[in-house]
Amino acid sequence: GADRPPLVQGLDLSLSRKGSVLIMGPSGAGKTSLLRAVAGLWEQGEGEVRWAASPAAAAAAAAALAAGPAGGAVVVDPTVGVGGDVADQGAQTTSVSGADTATAAAMENNGLYFIPQRPYLVLGTLRQQLLYPTWVQPDKTQFGGAKVGSPFEESALEETESSEGKAGATVGGEEDSNGWSCGVEGCRPKPGDDELAAALESVNLGYLLTRGANNSGGNGGNIGGAGDCVGLNATGDWASILSLGEQQRLAFARLLLAAPPVALLDEATSALDSKNEARMYGLLRGLPDTSYVSVGHRDSLIGYHDEILRLEGDSSWRTLRADVYKEELSLEER
């Protein structure tokens, strides 16, 4: 096909602990493409994305790796810089540079958590929906061909579910007596049912615990006709049972339970009303150590972020504080 201009050139961005960035710009500027390039989800085209840790964080990451699996969670530094050039809109090659081997390995599995506009839902129980993909039962959950155990919430594109995951289900975690295992380096213990129920309540999905199989679609929501289809044990074709807005809130429940160092959200609240959108971002901001980067079109999102990365659509970009950008928009409307 015809040569396409670079998506972005010379981007240099720092994300502090609990910091937040909103990527905005005109349609076709490459906002989603950039987010997926940073996440390492696309492997075509040409370009480079470099993650650079501060010296203190690099030493901590190397120490964590040297300590082995018992060393605890991988350390993500207080300030993570993202820079480089990405060519071809919608395609890129990701590499880690400017760091030693140990640091590069830590960055490769540092808990980046990606949520697309339409979350991927597994065939299984409501409990499995909430725990996926951080905690999985490889022998019991139907994944539709997707690999499991990724540090991403969704590495699958909407049209390519089979790209999910980078590692095996037991990487960075141990399998418990019920077959649950963690696929993320330094994964926290699997949440109990009370915590799962609380997560559903927090995202305004508590009613799913009482909906049961009777309201779960034409086949009663019961796969194979077996099991107790009530509460967290309810089963069904969740992609059909839940509206897109409910699916997006469920994705936020997963995010709250995983509490990753960095969350990447691609239009993750597009199907929500303003009240639910405010609640989801309020919950996200309440996580003690999570930074996040969002892509969105709504001006209402500006208030939930510290900084704006504006892509102009011609490979150029600029960053400014969210309050300054909001004032700039206000002046343009006068």
C-alpha atoms as a PDB file:
ATOM      1  CA  GLY A   1       0.000   0.000   0.000  1.00  0.00           C
ATOM      2  CA  ALA A   2       0.936   3.670  -0.078  1.00  0.00           C
ATOM      3  CA  ASP A   3       3.469   4.913   2.433  1.00  0.00           C
ATOM      4  CA  ARG A   4       1.847   6.394   5.484  1.00  0.00           C
ATOM      5  CA  PRO A   5       3.333   9.203   7.567  1.00  0.00           C
ATOM      6  CA  PRO A   6       4.836   8.440  10.960  1.00  0.00           C
ATOM      7  CA  LEU A   7       2.319   8.150  13.749  1.00  0.00           C
ATOM      8  CA  VAL A   8       4.413  10.278  16.100  1.00  0.00           C
ATOM      9  CA  GLN A   9       8.042  11.418  16.204  1.00  0.00           C
ATOM     10  CA  GLY A  10      10.291  12.272  19.126  1.00  0.00           C
ATOM     11  CA  LEU A  11       7.651  11.735  21.785  1.00  0.00           C
ATOM     12  CA  ASP A  12       9.111  12.130  25.274  1.00  0.00           C
ATOM     13  CA  LEU A  13       6.707  11.657  28.173  1.00  0.00           C
ATOM     14  CA  SER A  14       7.096  11.004  31.897  1.00  0.00           C
ATOM     15  CA  LEU A  15       4.424   9.311  33.997  1.00  0.00           C
ATOM     16  CA  SER A  16       4.821   9.699  37.739  1.00  0.00           C
ATOM     17  CA  ARG A  17       3.449   7.321  40.345  1.00  0.00           C
ATOM     18  CA  LYS A  18      -0.317   7.902  40.588  1.00  0.00           C
ATOM     19  CA  GLY A  19       0.043  10.297  37.673  1.00  0.00           C
ATOM     20  CA  SER A  20      -2.425  10.389  34.796  1.00  0.00           C
ATOM     21  CA  VAL A  21      -2.314  11.403  31.135  1.00  0.00           C
ATOM     22  CA  LEU A  22      -5.173  11.803  28.669  1.00  0.00           C
ATOM     23  CA  ILE A  23      -4.345  11.398  24.969  1.00  0.00           C
ATOM     24  CA  MET A  24      -6.556  13.623  22.825  1.00  0.00           C
ATOM     25  CA  GLY A  25      -6.614  14.859  19.254  1.00  0.00           C
ATOM     26  CA  PRO A  26      -8.655  14.815  16.051  1.00  0.00           C
ATOM     27  CA  SER A  27     -10.073  11.597  14.647  1.00  0.00           C
ATOM     28  CA  GLY A  28      -7.402   9.668  12.764  1.00  0.00           C
ATOM     29  CA  ALA A  29      -4.538  11.268  14.697  1.00  0.00           C
ATOM     30  CA  GLY A  30      -3.467   7.841  15.962  1.00  0.00           C
ATOM     31  CA  LYS A  31      -4.456   8.002  19.633  1.00  0.00           C
ATOM     32  CA  THR A  32      -5.423   4.340  19.929  1.00  0.00           C
ATOM     33  CA  SER A  33      -2.526   3.299  17.697  1.00  0.00           C
ATOM     34  CA  LEU A  34      -0.078   5.050  20.009  1.00  0.00           C
ATOM     35  CA  LEU A  35      -1.576   3.485  23.130  1.00  0.00           C
ATOM     36  CA  ARG A  36      -1.364   0.003  21.639  1.00  0.00           C
ATOM     37  CA  ALA A  37       2.157   0.643  20.414  1.00  0.00           C
ATOM     38  CA  VAL A  38       3.225   1.602  23.941  1.00  0.00           C
ATOM     39  CA  ALA A  39       1.528  -1.527  25.265  1.00  0.00           C
ATOM     40  CA  GLY A  40       3.424  -3.673  22.744  1.00  0.00           C
ATOM     41  CA  LEU A  41       0.253  -5.092  21.213  1.00  0.00           C
ATOM     42  CA  TRP A  42       1.116  -4.554  17.538  1.00  0.00           C
ATOM     43  CA  GLU A  43       4.183  -6.042  15.900  1.00  0.00           C
ATOM     44  CA  GLN A  44       4.038  -4.789  12.307  1.00  0.00           C
ATOM     45  CA  GLY A  45       5.548  -1.778  10.582  1.00  0.00           C
ATOM     46  CA  GLU A  46       8.605   0.075  11.810  1.00  0.00           C
ATOM     47  CA  GLY A  47       9.441   2.188  14.817  1.00  0.00           C
ATOM     48  CA  GLU A  48      10.683   2.106  18.349  1.00  0.00           C
ATOM     49  CA  VAL A  49       9.230   2.679  21.803  1.00  0.00           C
ATOM     50  CA  ARG A  50      11.676   2.993  24.683  1.00  0.00           C
ATOM     51  CA  TRP A  51      10.810   2.694  28.352  1.00  0.00           C
ATOM     52  CA  ALA A  52      13.435   4.343  30.552  1.00  0.00           C
ATOM     53  CA  ALA A  53      13.454   3.948  34.317  1.00  0.00           C
ATOM     54  CA  SER A  54      15.053   6.319  36.782  1.00  0.00           C
ATOM     55  CA  PRO A  55      18.395   5.015  38.171  1.00  0.00           C
ATOM     56  CA  ALA A  56      16.855   4.172  41.552  1.00  0.00           C
ATOM     57  CA  ALA A  57      14.007   2.239  39.955  1.00  0.00           C
ATOM     58  CA  ALA A  58      16.360   0.402  37.602  1.00  0.00           C
ATOM     59  CA  ALA A  59      18.416  -0.767  40.579  1.00  0.00           C
ATOM     60  CA  ALA A  60      15.267  -1.856  42.414  1.00  0.00           C
ATOM     61  CA  ALA A  61      13.992  -3.768  39.381  1.00  0.00           C
ATOM     62  CA  ALA A  62      17.330  -5.520  38.953  1.00  0.00           C
ATOM     63  CA  ALA A  63      17.366  -6.424  42.657  1.00  0.00           C
ATOM     64  CA  ALA A  64      13.855  -7.838  42.428  1.00  0.00           C
ATOM     65  CA  LEU A  65      14.838 -10.024  39.498  1.00  0.00           C
ATOM     66  CA  ALA A  66      18.046 -11.146  41.211  1.00  0.00           C
ATOM     67  CA  ALA A  67      16.014 -12.175  44.253  1.00  0.00           C
ATOM     68  CA  GLY A  68      14.046 -14.625  42.119  1.00  0.00           C
ATOM     69  CA  PRO A  69      10.316 -15.493  42.354  1.00  0.00           C
ATOM     70  CA  ALA A  70      10.340 -15.058  46.120  1.00  0.00           C
ATOM     71  CA  GLY A  71      11.597 -11.512  45.798  1.00  0.00           C
ATOM     72  CA  GLY A  72       8.103 -10.012  45.580  1.00  0.00           C
ATOM     73  CA  ALA A  73       6.511  -7.720  43.068  1.00  0.00           C
ATOM     74  CA  VAL A  74       8.461  -6.148  40.257  1.00  0.00           C
ATOM     75  CA  VAL A  75       9.198  -2.542  41.148  1.00  0.00           C
ATOM     76  CA  VAL A  76       7.901   0.119  38.796  1.00  0.00           C
ATOM     77  CA  ASP A  77       9.739   3.369  39.239  1.00  0.00           C
ATOM     78  CA  PRO A  78       8.118   6.572  40.505  1.00  0.00           C
ATOM     79  CA  THR A  79       8.760   8.219  37.134  1.00  0.00           C
ATOM     80  CA  VAL A  80       8.569   6.179  33.937  1.00  0.00           C
ATOM     81  CA  GLY A  81       9.577   7.891  30.724  1.00  0.00           C
ATOM     82  CA  VAL A  82       8.212   6.830  27.354  1.00  0.00           C
ATOM     83  CA  GLY A  83       9.931   8.044  24.220  1.00  0.00           C
ATOM     84  CA  GLY A  84      10.770   7.237  20.636  1.00  0.00           C
ATOM     85  CA  ASP A  85       9.342   7.260  17.130  1.00  0.00           C
ATOM     86  CA  VAL A  86       6.573   5.064  15.817  1.00  0.00           C
ATOM     87  CA  ALA A  87       6.057   4.853  12.068  1.00  0.00           C
ATOM     88  CA  ASP A  88       3.002   3.646  10.159  1.00  0.00           C
ATOM     89  CA  GLN A  89      -0.306   4.475  11.764  1.00  0.00           C
ATOM     90  CA  GLY A  90      -1.622   1.312  13.323  1.00  0.00           C
ATOM     91  CA  ALA A  91       1.679  -0.577  13.261  1.00  0.00           C
ATOM     92  CA  GLN A  92       4.946  -0.593  15.173  1.00  0.00           C
ATOM     93  CA  THR A  93       7.906  -2.518  16.483  1.00  0.00           C
ATOM     94  CA  THR A  94       8.516  -2.215  20.212  1.00  0.00           C
ATOM     95  CA  SER A  95      11.915  -2.499  21.813  1.00  0.00           C
ATOM     96  CA  VAL A  96      13.413  -1.795  25.220  1.00  0.00           C
ATOM     97  CA  SER A  97      16.630   0.169  25.231  1.00  0.00           C
ATOM     98  CA  GLY A  98      18.738   2.360  27.479  1.00  0.00           C
ATOM     99  CA  ALA A  99      18.723  -0.236  30.260  1.00  0.00           C
ATOM    100  CA  ASP A 100      20.653  -3.328  31.240  1.00  0.00           C
ATOM    101  CA  THR A 101      19.274  -6.818  30.664  1.00  0.00           C
ATOM    102  CA  ALA A 102      17.742  -7.146  34.124  1.00  0.00           C
ATOM    103  CA  THR A 103      15.933  -3.838  33.876  1.00  0.00           C
ATOM    104  CA  ALA A 104      14.716  -4.618  30.369  1.00  0.00           C
ATOM    105  CA  ALA A 105      13.292  -7.921  31.574  1.00  0.00           C
ATOM    106  CA  ALA A 106      11.509  -6.184  34.422  1.00  0.00           C
ATOM    107  CA  MET A 107      10.003  -3.611  32.084  1.00  0.00           C
ATOM    108  CA  GLU A 108       8.791  -6.351  29.736  1.00  0.00           C
ATOM    109  CA  ASN A 109       6.525  -7.773  32.431  1.00  0.00           C
ATOM    110  CA  ASN A 110       5.954  -4.752  34.633  1.00  0.00           C
ATOM    111  CA  GLY A 111       2.204  -5.007  35.047  1.00  0.00           C
ATOM    112  CA  LEU A 112       0.966  -2.802  32.195  1.00  0.00           C
ATOM    113  CA  TYR A 113      -2.784  -3.344  32.140  1.00  0.00           C
ATOM    114  CA  PHE A 114      -4.623  -2.565  28.895  1.00  0.00           C
ATOM    115  CA  ILE A 115      -8.399  -2.123  28.664  1.00  0.00           C
ATOM    116  CA  PRO A 116      -9.941  -1.698  25.198  1.00  0.00           C
ATOM    117  CA  GLN A 117     -13.258  -0.082  24.383  1.00  0.00           C
ATOM    118  CA  ARG A 118     -14.911  -3.499  24.173  1.00  0.00           C
ATOM    119  CA  PRO A 119     -13.509  -5.813  26.880  1.00  0.00           C
ATOM    120  CA  TYR A 120     -12.876  -9.482  26.186  1.00  0.00           C
ATOM    121  CA  LEU A 121     -15.203 -11.729  28.193  1.00  0.00           C
ATOM    122  CA  VAL A 122     -14.419 -15.386  28.800  1.00  0.00           C
ATOM    123  CA  LEU A 123     -16.969 -18.189  28.820  1.00  0.00           C
ATOM    124  CA  GLY A 124     -17.244 -19.191  32.444  1.00  0.00           C
ATOM    125  CA  THR A 125     -18.567 -18.103  35.805  1.00  0.00           C
ATOM    126  CA  LEU A 126     -19.002 -14.569  37.036  1.00  0.00           C
ATOM    127  CA  ARG A 127     -16.110 -15.277  39.403  1.00  0.00           C
ATOM    128  CA  GLN A 128     -13.864 -16.159  36.452  1.00  0.00           C
ATOM    129  CA  GLN A 129     -14.933 -12.957  34.668  1.00  0.00           C
ATOM    130  CA  LEU A 130     -13.751 -10.855  37.587  1.00  0.00           C
ATOM    131  CA  LEU A 131     -10.465 -12.675  38.115  1.00  0.00           C
ATOM    132  CA  TYR A 132      -9.518 -12.872  34.425  1.00  0.00           C
ATOM    133  CA  PRO A 133      -6.838 -12.391  33.200  1.00  0.00           C
ATOM    134  CA  THR A 134      -4.770 -11.840  36.350  1.00  0.00           C
ATOM    135  CA  TRP A 135      -5.894 -15.063  38.025  1.00  0.00           C
ATOM    136  CA  VAL A 136      -7.027 -17.912  35.785  1.00  0.00           C
ATOM    137  CA  GLN A 137      -8.062 -21.560  35.835  1.00  0.00           C
ATOM    138  CA  PRO A 138      -6.500 -22.794  32.577  1.00  0.00           C
ATOM    139  CA  ASP A 139      -8.228 -26.167  32.750  1.00  0.00           C
ATOM    140  CA  LYS A 140     -11.712 -24.827  33.464  1.00  0.00           C
ATOM    141  CA  THR A 141     -12.161 -21.538  31.601  1.00  0.00           C
ATOM    142  CA  GLN A 142     -13.032 -21.417  27.913  1.00  0.00           C
ATOM    143  CA  PHE A 143     -10.950 -18.725  26.277  1.00  0.00           C
ATOM    144  CA  GLY A 144     -12.009 -18.996  22.670  1.00  0.00           C
ATOM    145  CA  GLY A 145      -8.457 -19.729  21.541  1.00  0.00           C
ATOM    146  CA  ALA A 146      -6.811 -16.951  23.571  1.00  0.00           C
ATOM    147  CA  LYS A 147      -3.666 -17.503  25.558  1.00  0.00           C
ATOM    148  CA  VAL A 148      -3.837 -16.718  29.263  1.00  0.00           C
ATOM    149  CA  GLY A 149      -1.674 -15.161  31.901  1.00  0.00           C
ATOM    150  CA  SER A 150      -0.918 -11.761  30.384  1.00  0.00           C
ATOM    151  CA  PRO A 151       0.075  -8.674  32.339  1.00  0.00           C
ATOM    152  CA  PHE A 152      -2.452  -6.878  30.143  1.00  0.00           C
ATOM    153  CA  GLU A 153      -6.175  -6.772  30.834  1.00  0.00           C
ATOM    154  CA  GLU A 154      -6.700  -7.010  27.081  1.00  0.00           C
ATOM    155  CA  SER A 155      -3.951  -7.589  24.602  1.00  0.00           C
ATOM    156  CA  ALA A 156      -6.532  -8.923  22.181  1.00  0.00           C
ATOM    157  CA  LEU A 157      -7.770  -6.538  19.534  1.00  0.00           C
ATOM    158  CA  GLU A 158     -11.524  -6.566  19.046  1.00  0.00           C
ATOM    159  CA  GLU A 159     -11.116  -8.478  15.808  1.00  0.00           C
ATOM    160  CA  THR A 160      -8.226 -10.724  16.939  1.00  0.00           C
ATOM    161  CA  GLU A 161      -8.897 -12.349  20.293  1.00  0.00           C
ATOM    162  CA  SER A 162      -6.140 -14.941  19.842  1.00  0.00           C
ATOM    163  CA  SER A 163      -3.402 -12.365  20.455  1.00  0.00           C
ATOM    164  CA  GLU A 164      -4.180 -12.331  24.190  1.00  0.00           C
ATOM    165  CA  GLY A 165      -1.256 -12.986  26.503  1.00  0.00           C
ATOM    166  CA  LYS A 166       2.500 -13.162  26.437  1.00  0.00           C
ATOM    167  CA  ALA A 167       3.321 -15.755  29.071  1.00  0.00           C
ATOM    168  CA  GLY A 168       2.139 -19.060  30.478  1.00  0.00           C
ATOM    169  CA  ALA A 169      -0.417 -19.173  33.264  1.00  0.00           C
ATOM    170  CA  THR A 170       2.070 -19.905  36.017  1.00  0.00           C
ATOM    171  CA  VAL A 171       4.640 -17.201  35.189  1.00  0.00           C
ATOM    172  CA  GLY A 172       5.298 -15.116  38.276  1.00  0.00           C
ATOM    173  CA  GLY A 173       2.747 -16.990  40.376  1.00  0.00           C
ATOM    174  CA  GLU A 174       1.932 -20.316  42.002  1.00  0.00           C
ATOM    175  CA  GLU A 175      -1.017 -22.559  41.318  1.00  0.00           C
ATOM    176  CA  ASP A 176      -3.322 -23.073  44.287  1.00  0.00           C
ATOM    177  CA  SER A 177      -5.212 -26.226  45.269  1.00  0.00           C
ATOM    178  CA  ASN A 178      -8.227 -25.212  43.159  1.00  0.00           C
ATOM    179  CA  GLY A 179      -6.199 -24.768  39.984  1.00  0.00           C
ATOM    180  CA  TRP A 180      -6.066 -20.960  40.108  1.00  0.00           C
ATOM    181  CA  SER A 181      -2.786 -19.477  38.995  1.00  0.00           C
ATOM    182  CA  CYS A 182      -1.399 -16.019  38.377  1.00  0.00           C
ATOM    183  CA  GLY A 183       0.200 -14.996  35.113  1.00  0.00           C
ATOM    184  CA  VAL A 184       1.603 -11.653  36.252  1.00  0.00           C
ATOM    185  CA  GLU A 185       5.013 -11.052  37.799  1.00  0.00           C
ATOM    186  CA  GLY A 186       4.649 -10.241  41.514  1.00  0.00           C
ATOM    187  CA  CYS A 187       0.912 -10.963  41.502  1.00  0.00           C
ATOM    188  CA  ARG A 188      -0.981 -10.313  44.722  1.00  0.00           C
ATOM    189  CA  PRO A 189      -2.935 -13.199  46.342  1.00  0.00           C
ATOM    190  CA  LYS A 190      -6.170 -14.155  44.615  1.00  0.00           C
ATOM    191  CA  PRO A 191      -9.085 -12.144  46.022  1.00  0.00           C
ATOM    192  CA  GLY A 192     -11.745 -13.981  47.985  1.00  0.00           C
ATOM    193  CA  ASP A 193     -15.443 -13.981  47.172  1.00  0.00           C
ATOM    194  CA  ASP A 194     -16.179 -11.109  49.563  1.00  0.00           C
ATOM    195  CA  GLU A 195     -13.648  -8.926  47.761  1.00  0.00           C
ATOM    196  CA  LEU A 196     -15.065  -9.920  44.373  1.00  0.00           C
ATOM    197  CA  ALA A 197     -18.577  -9.033  45.503  1.00  0.00           C
ATOM    198  CA  ALA A 198     -17.346  -5.700  46.870  1.00  0.00           C
ATOM    199  CA  ALA A 199     -15.678  -4.929  43.527  1.00  0.00           C
ATOM    200  CA  LEU A 200     -18.967  -5.553  41.705  1.00  0.00           C
ATOM    201  CA  GLU A 201     -20.816  -3.294  44.133  1.00  0.00           C
ATOM    202  CA  SER A 202     -18.229  -0.543  43.701  1.00  0.00           C
ATOM    203  CA  VAL A 203     -18.773  -0.413  39.920  1.00  0.00           C
ATOM    204  CA  ASN A 204     -22.573  -0.525  40.270  1.00  0.00           C
ATOM    205  CA  LEU A 205     -22.879  -4.150  39.151  1.00  0.00           C
ATOM    206  CA  GLY A 206     -23.930  -5.647  42.469  1.00  0.00           C
ATOM    207  CA  TYR A 207     -27.251  -6.701  40.967  1.00  0.00           C
ATOM    208  CA  LEU A 208     -25.426  -9.359  38.931  1.00  0.00           C
ATOM    209  CA  LEU A 209     -25.002 -11.319  42.159  1.00  0.00           C
ATOM    210  CA  THR A 210     -28.761 -11.738  42.460  1.00  0.00           C
ATOM    211  CA  ARG A 211     -29.709 -11.811  38.778  1.00  0.00           C
ATOM    212  CA  GLY A 212     -28.767 -15.490  38.515  1.00  0.00           C
ATOM    213  CA  ALA A 213     -29.408 -17.668  35.493  1.00  0.00           C
ATOM    214  CA  ASN A 214     -33.065 -16.787  35.062  1.00  0.00           C
ATOM    215  CA  ASN A 215     -32.185 -13.447  33.478  1.00  0.00           C
ATOM    216  CA  SER A 216     -29.070 -14.551  31.639  1.00  0.00           C
ATOM    217  CA  GLY A 217     -30.312 -15.114  28.115  1.00  0.00           C
ATOM    218  CA  GLY A 218     -32.249 -17.680  26.159  1.00  0.00           C
ATOM    219  CA  ASN A 219     -30.496 -20.744  27.591  1.00  0.00           C
ATOM    220  CA  GLY A 220     -30.712 -19.485  31.164  1.00  0.00           C
ATOM    221  CA  GLY A 221     -27.057 -18.540  31.066  1.00  0.00           C
ATOM    222  CA  ASN A 222     -26.032 -22.061  32.021  1.00  0.00           C
ATOM    223  CA  ILE A 223     -23.229 -23.528  29.942  1.00  0.00           C
ATOM    224  CA  GLY A 224     -23.721 -27.244  29.699  1.00  0.00           C
ATOM    225  CA  GLY A 225     -26.627 -27.198  32.154  1.00  0.00           C
ATOM    226  CA  ALA A 226     -24.374 -27.836  35.147  1.00  0.00           C
ATOM    227  CA  GLY A 227     -23.425 -25.937  38.261  1.00  0.00           C
ATOM    228  CA  ASP A 228     -25.072 -23.528  40.650  1.00  0.00           C
ATOM    229  CA  CYS A 229     -26.012 -20.550  38.466  1.00  0.00           C
ATOM    230  CA  VAL A 230     -26.396 -18.035  41.272  1.00  0.00           C
ATOM    231  CA  GLY A 231     -24.125 -15.223  42.412  1.00  0.00           C
ATOM    232  CA  LEU A 232     -20.459 -15.644  41.565  1.00  0.00           C
ATOM    233  CA  ASN A 233     -21.164 -19.156  40.280  1.00  0.00           C
ATOM    234  CA  ALA A 234     -23.538 -17.896  37.576  1.00  0.00           C
ATOM    235  CA  THR A 235     -22.400 -18.897  34.107  1.00  0.00           C
ATOM    236  CA  GLY A 236     -23.310 -17.745  30.651  1.00  0.00           C
ATOM    237  CA  ASP A 237     -22.326 -16.075  27.417  1.00  0.00           C
ATOM    238  CA  TRP A 238     -21.412 -12.855  29.153  1.00  0.00           C
ATOM    239  CA  ALA A 239     -20.672 -10.970  25.957  1.00  0.00           C
ATOM    240  CA  SER A 240     -24.345 -11.416  25.041  1.00  0.00           C
ATOM    241  CA  ILE A 241     -25.763 -11.115  28.561  1.00  0.00           C
ATOM    242  CA  LEU A 242     -24.139  -7.801  29.433  1.00  0.00           C
ATOM    243  CA  SER A 243     -24.549  -4.495  27.631  1.00  0.00           C
ATOM    244  CA  LEU A 244     -21.409  -2.680  26.512  1.00  0.00           C
ATOM    245  CA  GLY A 245     -21.752  -0.296  29.446  1.00  0.00           C
ATOM    246  CA  GLU A 246     -21.923  -3.226  31.865  1.00  0.00           C
ATOM    247  CA  GLN A 247     -18.938  -4.838  30.188  1.00  0.00           C
ATOM    248  CA  GLN A 248     -16.921  -1.659  30.610  1.00  0.00           C
ATOM    249  CA  ARG A 249     -17.820  -1.461  34.302  1.00  0.00           C
ATOM    250  CA  LEU A 250     -16.857  -5.117  34.707  1.00  0.00           C
ATOM    251  CA  ALA A 251     -13.480  -4.284  33.164  1.00  0.00           C
ATOM    252  CA  PHE A 252     -13.021  -1.594  35.820  1.00  0.00           C
ATOM    253  CA  ALA A 253     -13.844  -4.146  38.526  1.00  0.00           C
ATOM    254  CA  ARG A 254     -11.048  -6.350  37.121  1.00  0.00           C
ATOM    255  CA  LEU A 255      -8.728  -3.360  37.154  1.00  0.00           C
ATOM    256  CA  LEU A 256      -9.532  -2.527  40.777  1.00  0.00           C
ATOM    257  CA  LEU A 257      -8.850  -6.110  41.836  1.00  0.00           C
ATOM    258  CA  ALA A 258      -5.538  -6.296  39.949  1.00  0.00           C
ATOM    259  CA  ALA A 259      -4.352  -2.820  41.064  1.00  0.00           C
ATOM    260  CA  PRO A 260      -1.537  -2.718  38.460  1.00  0.00           C
ATOM    261  CA  PRO A 261       1.304  -0.181  38.444  1.00  0.00           C
ATOM    262  CA  VAL A 262       0.176   1.267  35.087  1.00  0.00           C
ATOM    263  CA  ALA A 263      -3.245   1.091  33.428  1.00  0.00           C
ATOM    264  CA  LEU A 264      -3.821   1.930  29.752  1.00  0.00           C
ATOM    265  CA  LEU A 265      -7.446   2.725  28.906  1.00  0.00           C
ATOM    266  CA  ASP A 266      -8.647   2.977  25.311  1.00  0.00           C
ATOM    267  CA  GLU A 267     -12.082   4.663  25.292  1.00  0.00           C
ATOM    268  CA  ALA A 268     -12.810   2.508  28.351  1.00  0.00           C
ATOM    269  CA  THR A 269     -15.853   4.570  29.441  1.00  0.00           C
ATOM    270  CA  SER A 270     -17.311   5.402  26.017  1.00  0.00           C
ATOM    271  CA  ALA A 271     -20.587   3.561  26.734  1.00  0.00           C
ATOM    272  CA  LEU A 272     -21.065   5.019  30.233  1.00  0.00           C
ATOM    273  CA  ASP A 273     -23.169   7.970  31.292  1.00  0.00           C
ATOM    274  CA  SER A 274     -21.429  10.871  33.002  1.00  0.00           C
ATOM    275  CA  LYS A 275     -22.282   9.673  36.503  1.00  0.00           C
ATOM    276  CA  ASN A 276     -20.844   6.191  35.992  1.00  0.00           C
ATOM    277  CA  GLU A 277     -17.831   7.600  34.156  1.00  0.00           C
ATOM    278  CA  ALA A 278     -17.071   9.853  37.113  1.00  0.00           C
ATOM    279  CA  ARG A 279     -17.442   6.929  39.497  1.00  0.00           C
ATOM    280  CA  MET A 280     -15.090   4.665  37.508  1.00  0.00           C
ATOM    281  CA  TYR A 281     -12.346   7.275  37.345  1.00  0.00           C
ATOM    282  CA  GLY A 282     -12.880   8.128  40.996  1.00  0.00           C
ATOM    283  CA  LEU A 283     -12.263   4.478  41.887  1.00  0.00           C
ATOM    284  CA  LEU A 284      -9.210   4.374  39.636  1.00  0.00           C
ATOM    285  CA  ARG A 285      -7.735   7.494  41.210  1.00  0.00           C
ATOM    286  CA  GLY A 286      -8.333   5.934  44.614  1.00  0.00           C
ATOM    287  CA  LEU A 287      -5.907   3.073  43.939  1.00  0.00           C
ATOM    288  CA  PRO A 288      -2.798   3.719  46.054  1.00  0.00           C
ATOM    289  CA  ASP A 289      -0.039   3.102  43.484  1.00  0.00           C
ATOM    290  CA  THR A 290      -1.624   3.036  40.034  1.00  0.00           C
ATOM    291  CA  SER A 291      -0.767   5.467  37.233  1.00  0.00           C
ATOM    292  CA  TYR A 292      -2.933   5.559  34.135  1.00  0.00           C
ATOM    293  CA  VAL A 293      -3.054   6.750  30.546  1.00  0.00           C
ATOM    294  CA  SER A 294      -6.384   7.173  28.750  1.00  0.00           C
ATOM    295  CA  VAL A 295      -7.522   7.751  25.199  1.00  0.00           C
ATOM    296  CA  GLY A 296     -10.792   9.605  24.832  1.00  0.00           C
ATOM    297  CA  HIS A 297     -12.799  12.210  22.945  1.00  0.00           C
ATOM    298  CA  ARG A 298     -15.080  13.548  25.674  1.00  0.00           C
ATOM    299  CA  ASP A 299     -14.063  16.822  27.261  1.00  0.00           C
ATOM    300  CA  SER A 300     -15.440  15.467  30.542  1.00  0.00           C
ATOM    301  CA  LEU A 301     -12.404  13.173  30.770  1.00  0.00           C
ATOM    302  CA  ILE A 302     -10.043  16.122  31.148  1.00  0.00           C
ATOM    303  CA  GLY A 303     -11.009  16.584  34.785  1.00  0.00           C
ATOM    304  CA  TYR A 304      -9.891  13.049  35.682  1.00  0.00           C
ATOM    305  CA  HIS A 305      -6.320  13.539  34.428  1.00  0.00           C
ATOM    306  CA  ASP A 306      -3.297  15.598  35.396  1.00  0.00           C
ATOM    307  CA  GLU A 307      -1.829  16.105  31.933  1.00  0.00           C
ATOM    308  CA  ILE A 308      -2.950  16.139  28.311  1.00  0.00           C
ATOM    309  CA  LEU A 309      -0.958  14.655  25.427  1.00  0.00           C
ATOM    310  CA  ARG A 310      -2.364  16.267  22.304  1.00  0.00           C
ATOM    311  CA  LEU A 311      -1.678  14.518  18.984  1.00  0.00           C
ATOM    312  CA  GLU A 312      -2.115  16.915  16.072  1.00  0.00           C
ATOM    313  CA  GLY A 313      -2.422  14.295  13.321  1.00  0.00           C
ATOM    314  CA  ASP A 314       0.738  15.300  11.448  1.00  0.00           C
ATOM    315  CA  SER A 315       3.240  13.382  13.634  1.00  0.00           C
ATOM    316  CA  SER A 316       3.557  16.400  15.934  1.00  0.00           C
ATOM    317  CA  TRP A 317       2.448  16.496  19.552  1.00  0.00           C
ATOM    318  CA  ARG A 318       2.379  18.670  22.627  1.00  0.00           C
ATOM    319  CA  THR A 319       1.786  18.220  26.351  1.00  0.00           C
ATOM    320  CA  LEU A 320       0.172  20.603  28.789  1.00  0.00           C
ATOM    321  CA  ARG A 321      -1.499  20.543  32.171  1.00  0.00           C
ATOM    322  CA  ALA A 322      -5.136  19.478  32.124  1.00  0.00           C
ATOM    323  CA  ASP A 323      -6.360  22.744  33.656  1.00  0.00           C
ATOM    324  CA  VAL A 324      -4.460  24.760  31.043  1.00  0.00           C
ATOM    325  CA  TYR A 325      -5.913  22.667  28.221  1.00  0.00           C
ATOM    326  CA  LYS A 326      -9.423  23.065  29.626  1.00  0.00           C
ATOM    327  CA  GLU A 327      -8.959  26.838  29.681  1.00  0.00           C
ATOM    328  CA  GLU A 328      -7.640  26.720  26.121  1.00  0.00           C
ATOM    329  CA  LEU A 329     -10.779  24.903  24.960  1.00  0.00           C
ATOM    330  CA  SER A 330     -12.949  27.392  26.788  1.00  0.00           C
ATOM    331  CA  LEU A 331     -11.296  30.288  24.966  1.00  0.00           C
ATOM    332  CA  GLU A 332     -11.785  28.559  21.604  1.00  0.00           C
ATOM    333  CA  GLU A 333     -15.516  28.223  22.248  1.00  0.00           C
ATOM    334  CA  ARG A 334     -15.980  31.956  22.892  1.00  0.00           C
END
